[in-house]
Amino acid sequence: MKNVMKEKRMKALRRAKRVRARVRGTAECPRLTIKRSAKHIYAQLINDEIGKTLAAASDMKMKKAGKPLEVATAVGTELGEKAKAAGVKRAVVDRGSYRYHGRVKALAEALAASGVTI
């Protein structure tokens, strides 16, 4: 059983590495990283040139409860507001090892709807 989980995690890391090889964040166009777990979702806008997080949001501090897609949309909207305050107009999506589908897509589209070009 241990080898199955280890192999699954290694495959996920390979997928994430493959995505990050193509995606790079700058001051003008930071990298939107998305981390999701079974219960929560987290997002950050990162400038890779200096290694600094420009804005971050998660559902941990939000009092919003509901369906996972609704929560992801709320996190994307909150991140969009923080991105505007930080002066971010464009971002590039780093989906990590996840497909651009479901909660990841909902978060990214909510960020785009709040004014950040993806």
N, C-alpha and C. Protein backbone atom coordinates (compact mmCIF):
# COMPACT_ATOMS: atom_id res chain seq x y z
N MET A 1 0.82 -1.20 0.00
CA MET A 1 0.00 0.00 0.00
C MET A 1 0.86 1.26 0.00
N LYS A 2 1.98 1.23 0.70
CA LYS A 2 2.85 2.40 0.75
C LYS A 2 3.38 2.75 -0.63
N ASN A 3 3.76 1.74 -1.40
CA ASN A 3 4.32 2.00 -2.72
C ASN A 3 3.30 2.63 -3.66
N VAL A 4 2.04 2.27 -3.51
CA VAL A 4 0.99 2.83 -4.36
C VAL A 4 0.86 4.33 -4.09
N MET A 5 0.83 4.71 -2.84
CA MET A 5 0.70 6.13 -2.48
C MET A 5 1.95 6.91 -2.87
N LYS A 6 3.10 6.30 -2.69
CA LYS A 6 4.34 6.96 -3.06
C LYS A 6 4.38 7.19 -4.57
N GLU A 7 3.97 6.19 -5.33
CA GLU A 7 3.96 6.32 -6.78
C GLU A 7 2.95 7.38 -7.24
N LYS A 8 1.80 7.44 -6.58
CA LYS A 8 0.78 8.43 -6.92
C LYS A 8 1.30 9.84 -6.66
N ARG A 9 1.97 10.04 -5.55
CA ARG A 9 2.53 11.35 -5.22
C ARG A 9 3.65 11.73 -6.19
N MET A 10 4.47 10.78 -6.57
CA MET A 10 5.55 11.04 -7.52
C MET A 10 5.00 11.45 -8.89
N LYS A 11 3.92 10.80 -9.32
CA LYS A 11 3.29 11.18 -10.59
C LYS A 11 2.73 12.59 -10.53
N ALA A 12 2.14 12.95 -9.39
CA ALA A 12 1.60 14.30 -9.21
C ALA A 12 2.72 15.33 -9.26
N LEU A 13 3.84 15.04 -8.62
CA LEU A 13 4.98 15.95 -8.65
C LEU A 13 5.53 16.11 -10.05
N ARG A 14 5.57 15.03 -10.82
CA ARG A 14 6.02 15.11 -12.22
C ARG A 14 5.10 15.99 -13.05
N ARG A 15 3.79 15.85 -12.85
CA ARG A 15 2.84 16.68 -13.59
C ARG A 15 3.02 18.15 -13.23
N ALA A 16 3.17 18.43 -11.94
CA ALA A 16 3.35 19.81 -11.49
C ALA A 16 4.64 20.39 -12.05
N LYS A 17 5.69 19.62 -12.06
CA LYS A 17 6.98 20.08 -12.59
C LYS A 17 6.88 20.38 -14.08
N ARG A 18 6.14 19.56 -14.79
CA ARG A 18 5.95 19.77 -16.23
C ARG A 18 5.21 21.07 -16.50
N VAL A 19 4.22 21.39 -15.67
CA VAL A 19 3.48 22.64 -15.83
C VAL A 19 4.37 23.82 -15.48
N ARG A 20 5.12 23.72 -14.38
CA ARG A 20 5.94 24.84 -13.93
C ARG A 20 7.13 25.11 -14.84
N ALA A 21 7.49 24.14 -15.66
CA ALA A 21 8.58 24.36 -16.61
C ALA A 21 8.16 25.36 -17.68
N ARG A 22 6.88 25.47 -17.93
CA ARG A 22 6.36 26.38 -18.96
C ARG A 22 5.85 27.70 -18.39
N VAL A 23 5.58 27.74 -17.10
CA VAL A 23 4.93 28.89 -16.49
C VAL A 23 5.92 29.62 -15.60
N ARG A 24 6.01 30.94 -15.79
CA ARG A 24 6.92 31.75 -15.00
C ARG A 24 6.21 33.04 -14.63
N GLY A 25 6.28 33.45 -13.39
CA GLY A 25 5.62 34.67 -12.94
C GLY A 25 6.58 35.84 -12.89
N THR A 26 6.10 37.01 -13.30
CA THR A 26 6.88 38.23 -13.25
C THR A 26 6.10 39.27 -12.44
N ALA A 27 6.67 40.45 -12.31
CA ALA A 27 5.98 41.51 -11.57
C ALA A 27 4.72 41.95 -12.31
N GLU A 28 4.78 42.01 -13.64
CA GLU A 28 3.62 42.44 -14.43
C GLU A 28 2.59 41.32 -14.57
N CYS A 29 3.06 40.08 -14.64
CA CYS A 29 2.17 38.93 -14.86
C CYS A 29 2.57 37.81 -13.89
N PRO A 30 2.11 37.87 -12.64
CA PRO A 30 2.50 36.85 -11.67
C PRO A 30 1.86 35.50 -11.94
N ARG A 31 2.40 34.50 -11.29
CA ARG A 31 1.93 33.12 -11.42
C ARG A 31 0.84 32.86 -10.38
N LEU A 32 -0.33 32.42 -10.84
CA LEU A 32 -1.42 32.05 -9.96
C LEU A 32 -1.28 30.57 -9.64
N THR A 33 -0.89 30.26 -8.42
CA THR A 33 -0.77 28.87 -8.01
C THR A 33 -2.02 28.48 -7.22
N ILE A 34 -2.49 27.29 -7.48
CA ILE A 34 -3.69 26.80 -6.84
C ILE A 34 -3.38 25.48 -6.16
N LYS A 35 -3.74 25.39 -4.89
CA LYS A 35 -3.58 24.16 -4.12
C LYS A 35 -4.96 23.80 -3.60
N ARG A 36 -5.37 22.57 -3.86
CA ARG A 36 -6.66 22.15 -3.33
C ARG A 36 -6.48 20.84 -2.58
N SER A 37 -7.28 20.70 -1.56
CA SER A 37 -7.32 19.46 -0.81
C SER A 37 -8.77 18.99 -0.80
N ALA A 38 -9.04 17.97 -0.06
CA ALA A 38 -10.41 17.45 -0.02
C ALA A 38 -11.36 18.46 0.63
N LYS A 39 -10.86 19.27 1.57
CA LYS A 39 -11.72 20.20 2.29
C LYS A 39 -11.52 21.66 1.90
N HIS A 40 -10.31 22.06 1.52
CA HIS A 40 -9.99 23.47 1.35
C HIS A 40 -9.37 23.75 -0.01
N ILE A 41 -9.29 25.05 -0.33
CA ILE A 41 -8.63 25.50 -1.55
C ILE A 41 -7.86 26.78 -1.23
N TYR A 42 -6.66 26.88 -1.77
CA TYR A 42 -5.76 28.00 -1.52
C TYR A 42 -5.26 28.53 -2.86
N ALA A 43 -5.00 29.84 -2.93
CA ALA A 43 -4.48 30.42 -4.15
C ALA A 43 -3.51 31.55 -3.80
N GLN A 44 -2.46 31.69 -4.62
CA GLN A 44 -1.47 32.75 -4.42
C GLN A 44 -1.08 33.34 -5.76
N LEU A 45 -0.75 34.61 -5.77
CA LEU A 45 -0.14 35.26 -6.92
C LEU A 45 1.33 35.49 -6.56
N ILE A 46 2.23 34.86 -7.32
CA ILE A 46 3.65 34.85 -6.97
C ILE A 46 4.48 35.49 -8.06
N ASN A 47 5.39 36.37 -7.66
CA ASN A 47 6.40 36.93 -8.55
C ASN A 47 7.64 36.06 -8.42
N ASP A 48 7.94 35.27 -9.44
CA ASP A 48 9.06 34.33 -9.37
C ASP A 48 10.42 35.02 -9.51
N GLU A 49 10.45 36.22 -10.05
CA GLU A 49 11.72 36.92 -10.21
C GLU A 49 12.36 37.24 -8.87
N ILE A 50 11.53 37.62 -7.90
CA ILE A 50 12.05 37.93 -6.57
C ILE A 50 11.60 36.92 -5.53
N GLY A 51 10.75 35.98 -5.92
CA GLY A 51 10.29 34.94 -5.01
C GLY A 51 9.38 35.46 -3.92
N LYS A 52 8.45 36.33 -4.30
CA LYS A 52 7.58 36.96 -3.31
C LYS A 52 6.11 36.75 -3.67
N THR A 53 5.29 36.50 -2.66
CA THR A 53 3.85 36.38 -2.85
C THR A 53 3.24 37.77 -2.84
N LEU A 54 2.51 38.11 -3.92
CA LEU A 54 1.90 39.43 -4.04
C LEU A 54 0.52 39.47 -3.39
N ALA A 55 -0.23 38.40 -3.51
CA ALA A 55 -1.57 38.31 -2.90
C ALA A 55 -1.89 36.84 -2.67
N ALA A 56 -2.68 36.58 -1.66
CA ALA A 56 -3.06 35.20 -1.35
C ALA A 56 -4.47 35.18 -0.78
N ALA A 57 -5.16 34.08 -1.01
CA ALA A 57 -6.51 33.90 -0.46
C ALA A 57 -6.76 32.41 -0.27
N SER A 58 -7.59 32.11 0.70
CA SER A 58 -8.00 30.72 0.92
C SER A 58 -9.36 30.73 1.60
N ASP A 59 -9.95 29.57 1.69
CA ASP A 59 -11.25 29.48 2.35
C ASP A 59 -11.10 29.28 3.85
N MET A 60 -9.89 29.23 4.35
CA MET A 60 -9.67 29.02 5.78
C MET A 60 -10.18 30.20 6.61
N LYS A 61 -9.95 31.43 6.12
CA LYS A 61 -10.35 32.62 6.87
C LYS A 61 -11.76 33.08 6.52
N MET A 62 -12.31 32.51 5.47
CA MET A 62 -13.65 32.92 5.04
C MET A 62 -14.71 32.21 5.88
N LYS A 63 -15.78 32.90 6.13
CA LYS A 63 -16.89 32.32 6.89
C LYS A 63 -17.89 31.68 5.93
N LYS A 64 -17.54 31.62 4.66
CA LYS A 64 -18.45 31.09 3.63
C LYS A 64 -18.43 29.57 3.65
N ALA A 65 -19.58 29.01 3.80
CA ALA A 65 -19.72 27.56 3.70
C ALA A 65 -20.70 27.28 2.57
N GLY A 66 -20.54 26.16 1.95
CA GLY A 66 -21.44 25.79 0.87
C GLY A 66 -20.81 24.73 0.01
N LYS A 67 -21.27 24.66 -1.22
CA LYS A 67 -20.74 23.69 -2.14
C LYS A 67 -19.32 24.07 -2.53
N PRO A 68 -18.48 23.10 -2.84
CA PRO A 68 -17.08 23.38 -3.14
C PRO A 68 -16.88 24.37 -4.30
N LEU A 69 -17.71 24.31 -5.34
CA LEU A 69 -17.58 25.25 -6.45
C LEU A 69 -17.90 26.67 -6.01
N GLU A 70 -18.88 26.83 -5.15
CA GLU A 70 -19.23 28.16 -4.64
C GLU A 70 -18.11 28.73 -3.79
N VAL A 71 -17.50 27.89 -2.97
CA VAL A 71 -16.39 28.33 -2.11
C VAL A 71 -15.19 28.72 -2.98
N ALA A 72 -14.89 27.92 -4.01
CA ALA A 72 -13.77 28.24 -4.90
C ALA A 72 -14.01 29.55 -5.64
N THR A 73 -15.25 29.80 -6.04
CA THR A 73 -15.59 31.06 -6.70
C THR A 73 -15.40 32.23 -5.74
N ALA A 74 -15.79 32.06 -4.50
CA ALA A 74 -15.62 33.12 -3.50
C ALA A 74 -14.14 33.40 -3.25
N VAL A 75 -13.32 32.36 -3.21
CA VAL A 75 -11.87 32.54 -3.02
C VAL A 75 -11.28 33.29 -4.21
N GLY A 76 -11.71 32.94 -5.42
CA GLY A 76 -11.23 33.64 -6.62
C GLY A 76 -11.61 35.10 -6.63
N THR A 77 -12.82 35.41 -6.20
CA THR A 77 -13.27 36.81 -6.12
C THR A 77 -12.47 37.58 -5.09
N GLU A 78 -12.23 36.97 -3.93
CA GLU A 78 -11.44 37.62 -2.88
C GLU A 78 -10.01 37.87 -3.37
N LEU A 79 -9.44 36.88 -4.06
CA LEU A 79 -8.08 37.05 -4.59
C LEU A 79 -8.05 38.15 -5.64
N GLY A 80 -9.11 38.26 -6.43
CA GLY A 80 -9.20 39.33 -7.43
C GLY A 80 -9.18 40.71 -6.80
N GLU A 81 -9.89 40.87 -5.69
CA GLU A 81 -9.88 42.15 -4.98
C GLU A 81 -8.49 42.47 -4.43
N LYS A 82 -7.83 41.46 -3.87
CA LYS A 82 -6.48 41.67 -3.34
C LYS A 82 -5.49 41.95 -4.46
N ALA A 83 -5.70 41.31 -5.62
CA ALA A 83 -4.82 41.53 -6.77
C ALA A 83 -4.95 42.96 -7.29
N LYS A 84 -6.16 43.47 -7.33
CA LYS A 84 -6.37 44.85 -7.76
C LYS A 84 -5.67 45.81 -6.81
N ALA A 85 -5.77 45.54 -5.51
CA ALA A 85 -5.12 46.40 -4.52
C ALA A 85 -3.60 46.35 -4.67
N ALA A 86 -3.07 45.21 -5.12
CA ALA A 86 -1.62 45.06 -5.33
C ALA A 86 -1.18 45.57 -6.70
N GLY A 87 -2.14 45.94 -7.55
CA GLY A 87 -1.81 46.47 -8.86
C GLY A 87 -1.59 45.42 -9.93
N VAL A 88 -2.12 44.24 -9.74
CA VAL A 88 -1.95 43.15 -10.71
C VAL A 88 -3.09 43.20 -11.72
N LYS A 89 -2.74 43.20 -13.00
CA LYS A 89 -3.76 43.24 -14.05
C LYS A 89 -3.83 41.95 -14.85
N ARG A 90 -2.71 41.21 -14.88
CA ARG A 90 -2.66 39.95 -15.62
C ARG A 90 -2.02 38.89 -14.74
N ALA A 91 -2.36 37.64 -15.01
CA ALA A 91 -1.76 36.52 -14.28
C ALA A 91 -1.74 35.30 -15.20
N VAL A 92 -0.81 34.40 -14.92
CA VAL A 92 -0.72 33.15 -15.65
C VAL A 92 -1.02 32.02 -14.67
N VAL A 93 -1.83 31.06 -15.09
CA VAL A 93 -2.33 30.01 -14.20
C VAL A 93 -1.33 28.86 -14.11
N ASP A 94 -0.96 28.53 -12.89
CA ASP A 94 -0.17 27.33 -12.60
C ASP A 94 -1.10 26.37 -11.87
N ARG A 95 -1.64 25.43 -12.61
CA ARG A 95 -2.63 24.51 -12.05
C ARG A 95 -1.98 23.40 -11.25
N GLY A 96 -0.67 23.33 -11.24
CA GLY A 96 0.03 22.29 -10.51
C GLY A 96 -0.22 20.93 -11.11
N SER A 97 -0.58 19.98 -10.28
CA SER A 97 -0.84 18.63 -10.79
C SER A 97 -2.32 18.40 -11.03
N TYR A 98 -3.14 19.45 -10.90
CA TYR A 98 -4.58 19.32 -11.05
C TYR A 98 -5.01 19.68 -12.47
N ARG A 99 -6.11 19.10 -12.92
CA ARG A 99 -6.68 19.47 -14.21
C ARG A 99 -7.36 20.82 -14.10
N TYR A 100 -7.41 21.54 -15.21
CA TYR A 100 -8.13 22.82 -15.25
C TYR A 100 -9.61 22.48 -15.40
N HIS A 101 -10.22 22.10 -14.29
CA HIS A 101 -11.57 21.60 -14.29
C HIS A 101 -12.12 21.73 -12.87
N GLY A 102 -13.39 21.92 -12.73
CA GLY A 102 -14.02 21.93 -11.41
C GLY A 102 -13.63 23.13 -10.58
N ARG A 103 -13.15 22.87 -9.37
CA ARG A 103 -12.83 23.95 -8.43
C ARG A 103 -11.68 24.83 -8.92
N VAL A 104 -10.70 24.22 -9.59
CA VAL A 104 -9.56 24.99 -10.11
C VAL A 104 -10.05 25.96 -11.18
N LYS A 105 -10.89 25.49 -12.07
CA LYS A 105 -11.44 26.33 -13.13
C LYS A 105 -12.35 27.41 -12.56
N ALA A 106 -13.16 27.07 -11.58
CA ALA A 106 -14.07 28.04 -10.95
C ALA A 106 -13.29 29.17 -10.30
N LEU A 107 -12.21 28.83 -9.61
CA LEU A 107 -11.38 29.85 -8.96
C LEU A 107 -10.75 30.76 -10.01
N ALA A 108 -10.18 30.19 -11.06
CA ALA A 108 -9.51 30.98 -12.09
C ALA A 108 -10.51 31.87 -12.83
N GLU A 109 -11.70 31.38 -13.12
CA GLU A 109 -12.69 32.16 -13.82
C GLU A 109 -13.26 33.27 -12.94
N ALA A 110 -13.37 33.04 -11.64
CA ALA A 110 -13.81 34.09 -10.72
C ALA A 110 -12.76 35.19 -10.63
N LEU A 111 -11.49 34.81 -10.66
CA LEU A 111 -10.42 35.80 -10.66
C LEU A 111 -10.49 36.63 -11.93
N ALA A 112 -10.74 35.97 -13.07
CA ALA A 112 -10.85 36.67 -14.34
C ALA A 112 -12.07 37.60 -14.36
N ALA A 113 -13.16 37.16 -13.76
CA ALA A 113 -14.37 37.98 -13.71
C ALA A 113 -14.20 39.22 -12.85
N SER A 114 -13.28 39.15 -11.89
CA SER A 114 -13.04 40.31 -11.02
C SER A 114 -12.06 41.30 -11.63
N GLY A 115 -11.60 41.05 -12.86
CA GLY A 115 -10.80 42.06 -13.56
C GLY A 115 -9.37 41.69 -13.86
N VAL A 116 -8.91 40.53 -13.47
CA VAL A 116 -7.54 40.11 -13.75
C VAL A 116 -7.55 39.26 -15.02
N THR A 117 -6.78 39.65 -16.01
CA THR A 117 -6.72 38.90 -17.27
C THR A 117 -5.88 37.65 -17.09
N ILE A 118 -6.45 36.53 -17.54
CA ILE A 118 -5.74 35.25 -17.43
C ILE A 118 -5.40 34.75 -18.82
